[in-house]
Amino acid sequence: MARVLTRTTARRLTAVTGLSAALLLPAAPVACAQETSTTPQACGDAVVAEAARHDGKDYQYGATGPGAFDCSGYIQYVFAQHGVQLPRTVRDQYAASVKVDRAAVQPGDLIAYYNSSGTVTHGGIYAGGGKTWIASTGSDRVMLQSIYTDRYRVGRFG
């Protein structure tokens, strides 16, 4: 998988923005979608590790990273680092996933929250232990949060 930025470009951006090149270039990805030897658990763990790398980054409506995210932009960005290309909205991301029973949820799965009419409106990446990594309007940042409602569905990629 090609990096979004070359190291040379990252160094130039570092000089202009003051950000570390390590923040501008993603970690070497585990290509979950393309690597047949990667187990689903290893892929899920790698996705969760990538999600955690963005802890504390700003929430911004419409943002797709890597400096700020909204919920679907965050999910899309994290999975893209592992070779999984997803649609832009959580509703479409869930529609593109393999549906999984809640009892079988694993780290790296999509948690798609829905409203009283059944429409998917928010999402996160399952981290295990009843918690998800989300980009939240409530906290204005990326954070690890407990699943806060029974109104959610589970989807899997890769």
Protein backbone atom coordinates (compact mmCIF):
# COMPACT_ATOMS: atom_id res chain seq x y z
CA MET A 1 0.00 0.00 0.00
CA ALA A 2 1.40 3.40 -0.94
CA ARG A 3 1.88 6.00 1.75
CA VAL A 4 -0.15 9.16 1.47
CA LEU A 5 3.01 11.27 1.84
CA THR A 6 6.60 10.53 0.90
CA ARG A 7 9.25 11.00 3.55
CA THR A 8 10.63 13.98 1.61
CA THR A 9 7.21 15.62 1.52
CA ALA A 10 6.73 14.88 5.22
CA ARG A 11 10.06 16.59 6.01
CA ARG A 12 8.95 19.64 4.02
CA LEU A 13 5.61 19.72 5.83
CA THR A 14 7.42 19.33 9.15
CA ALA A 15 9.46 22.43 8.35
CA VAL A 16 6.30 24.39 7.51
CA THR A 17 3.90 23.08 10.15
CA GLY A 18 6.24 22.12 12.97
CA LEU A 19 4.57 18.70 13.19
CA SER A 20 6.74 15.64 13.56
CA ALA A 21 7.24 13.62 10.37
CA ALA A 22 6.19 10.58 12.43
CA LEU A 23 2.76 12.17 12.87
CA LEU A 24 2.46 12.92 9.18
CA LEU A 25 3.37 9.45 7.94
CA PRO A 26 1.29 6.48 9.06
CA ALA A 27 2.91 3.46 10.65
CA ALA A 28 3.69 0.59 8.30
CA PRO A 29 0.30 -1.01 7.70
CA VAL A 30 -0.81 -4.58 8.06
CA ALA A 31 -2.65 -5.05 4.80
CA CYS A 32 -5.64 -6.86 6.26
CA ALA A 33 -7.61 -6.81 3.03
CA GLN A 34 -4.79 -8.21 0.91
CA GLU A 35 -2.63 -10.34 3.21
CA THR A 36 -4.04 -13.88 3.28
CA SER A 37 -1.64 -14.94 6.04
CA THR A 38 -3.00 -12.26 8.41
CA THR A 39 -5.47 -13.84 10.81
CA PRO A 40 -8.71 -11.98 11.52
CA GLN A 41 -7.56 -11.48 15.14
CA ALA A 42 -4.18 -10.05 14.08
CA CYS A 43 -5.93 -7.75 11.65
CA GLY A 44 -8.42 -6.62 14.32
CA ASP A 45 -5.62 -5.97 16.80
CA ALA A 46 -3.70 -3.95 14.19
CA VAL A 47 -6.80 -1.87 13.41
CA VAL A 48 -7.37 -1.17 17.12
CA ALA A 49 -3.70 -0.19 17.54
CA GLU A 50 -4.02 2.25 14.62
CA ALA A 51 -7.26 3.64 16.08
CA ALA A 52 -5.50 4.22 19.43
CA ARG A 53 -2.67 6.16 17.74
CA HIS A 54 -5.15 9.02 17.17
CA ASP A 55 -6.32 9.31 20.79
CA GLY A 56 -7.02 12.94 21.65
CA LYS A 57 -7.06 14.28 18.09
CA ASP A 58 -9.71 16.90 17.41
CA TYR A 59 -13.26 16.15 16.27
CA GLN A 60 -14.22 18.25 13.27
CA TYR A 61 -17.37 17.69 11.23
CA GLY A 62 -16.41 16.46 7.75
CA ALA A 63 -12.75 15.86 8.64
CA THR A 64 -11.06 12.73 7.28
CA GLY A 65 -7.70 12.97 9.09
CA PRO A 66 -5.02 12.61 9.92
CA GLY A 67 -5.07 15.82 12.01
CA ALA A 68 -8.79 15.82 12.83
CA PHE A 69 -11.74 13.50 12.21
CA ASP A 70 -15.47 13.10 12.27
CA CYS A 71 -16.73 9.61 13.16
CA SER A 72 -16.97 8.17 9.66
CA GLY A 73 -13.79 9.90 8.49
CA TYR A 74 -11.98 8.34 11.45
CA ILE A 75 -13.24 4.84 10.67
CA GLN A 76 -12.44 5.28 6.97
CA TYR A 77 -8.92 6.55 7.69
CA VAL A 78 -8.04 3.83 10.22
CA PHE A 79 -9.15 1.01 7.94
CA ALA A 80 -7.43 2.58 4.92
CA GLN A 81 -4.12 2.25 6.78
CA HIS A 82 -4.70 -1.51 6.55
CA GLY A 83 -5.74 -1.73 2.92
CA VAL A 84 -9.48 -1.65 3.54
CA GLN A 85 -11.22 1.02 1.45
CA LEU A 86 -14.56 2.07 2.94
CA PRO A 87 -17.35 4.42 1.87
CA ARG A 88 -17.50 7.86 3.50
CA THR A 89 -20.53 7.64 5.83
CA VAL A 90 -21.05 5.24 8.73
CA ARG A 91 -24.39 4.24 7.22
CA ASP A 92 -22.65 3.22 3.98
CA GLN A 93 -19.73 1.66 5.87
CA TYR A 94 -22.12 -0.56 7.79
CA ALA A 95 -23.99 -1.43 4.58
CA ALA A 96 -20.66 -2.54 3.04
CA SER A 97 -19.70 -4.70 6.03
CA VAL A 98 -20.29 -8.35 6.77
CA LYS A 99 -22.99 -8.34 9.47
CA VAL A 100 -21.94 -9.97 12.75
CA ASP A 101 -24.03 -11.03 15.72
CA ARG A 102 -23.28 -8.90 18.78
CA ALA A 103 -22.26 -12.00 20.73
CA ALA A 104 -19.45 -12.56 18.17
CA VAL A 105 -18.04 -9.00 18.21
CA GLN A 106 -14.23 -8.85 17.99
CA PRO A 107 -11.66 -6.05 18.26
CA GLY A 108 -11.51 -4.16 14.98
CA ASP A 109 -15.22 -4.59 14.19
CA LEU A 110 -17.39 -1.63 13.26
CA ILE A 111 -19.92 -0.56 15.88
CA ALA A 112 -22.76 1.19 14.04
CA TYR A 113 -25.08 3.10 16.37
CA TYR A 114 -28.63 3.72 15.16
CA ASN A 115 -31.48 5.99 16.19
CA SER A 116 -35.06 5.14 17.20
CA SER A 117 -36.10 4.82 13.56
CA GLY A 118 -33.29 2.36 12.84
CA THR A 119 -31.06 4.70 10.83
CA VAL A 120 -27.31 4.36 11.43
CA THR A 121 -26.10 7.74 12.71
CA HIS A 122 -22.74 7.20 14.44
CA GLY A 123 -19.95 4.67 14.56
CA GLY A 124 -16.80 3.49 16.21
CA ILE A 125 -14.17 0.75 16.15
CA TYR A 126 -14.59 -1.99 18.73
CA ALA A 127 -11.58 -2.20 21.04
CA GLY A 128 -12.71 -5.08 23.27
CA GLY A 129 -14.13 -5.08 26.78
CA GLY A 130 -17.29 -3.25 25.74
CA LYS A 131 -15.36 -0.18 24.52
CA THR A 132 -15.03 1.57 21.16
CA TRP A 133 -12.65 4.09 19.66
CA ILE A 134 -14.72 7.00 18.35
CA ALA A 135 -14.43 10.54 17.08
CA SER A 136 -17.02 12.21 19.27
CA THR A 137 -18.92 15.47 19.03
CA GLY A 138 -19.63 15.17 22.76
CA SER A 139 -15.95 15.35 23.72
CA ASP A 140 -14.68 17.13 20.58
CA ARG A 141 -11.92 14.53 20.23
CA VAL A 142 -11.00 10.96 19.42
CA MET A 143 -11.37 8.80 22.51
CA LEU A 144 -11.98 5.35 23.92
CA GLN A 145 -15.55 5.11 25.18
CA SER A 146 -17.83 2.41 26.56
CA ILE A 147 -20.66 1.30 24.31
CA TYR A 148 -23.33 3.61 25.67
CA THR A 149 -26.57 2.19 24.25
CA ASP A 150 -28.17 -1.05 23.11
CA ARG A 151 -28.94 0.58 19.77
CA TYR A 152 -25.99 -0.68 17.78
CA ARG A 153 -25.12 -3.22 15.13
CA VAL A 154 -21.81 -4.89 14.35
CA GLY A 155 -20.06 -5.10 10.98
CA ARG A 156 -16.73 -6.62 9.95
CA PHE A 157 -14.25 -5.85 7.16
CA GLY A 158 -11.18 -7.54 5.74
